[in-house]
Amino acid sequence: MAEVATDQLQVWVDQDLCTGDGLCVQYAPEVFEFDIDGLAYVKGVDGELRLAPGSRVDVPEHLRLEVIDSAKECPGDCIHVVRGDGVEVAGPDAEDDRASAARSARR
């Protein structure tokens, strides 16, 4: 988890998997917002929604934990938090999440 504290993070939402639950918008409203379609999107520092599929935005340093928590708690597993090198640190493709899920399944 030390890499999370030092690397720049980016986040994106897979709208095909978004359930519209809104946890992300509650956790980090500066980063996530609903559009008229009821799905969550990321927004840039200018406050504009990034509507193109796979659009990424930088995660503000002071919101890293909130964004990571929103990815981990997302019922649709649609939020991806990635380091600058492309490694997913939170979300459905994150190594830690898969290892944790595998351990839980064995119990």
Foldseek 3Di string as FASTA:
>chain_A
DVCLLPFWKKKWFAQVQFPLPCLLCVLCVCFWDADPVSGIFGDENVRDGDPPGPDMYIDPNVSSVSLQVCCQPGPSQGMFMATPVGATCGTDRHPVVVVVVVVVVVD
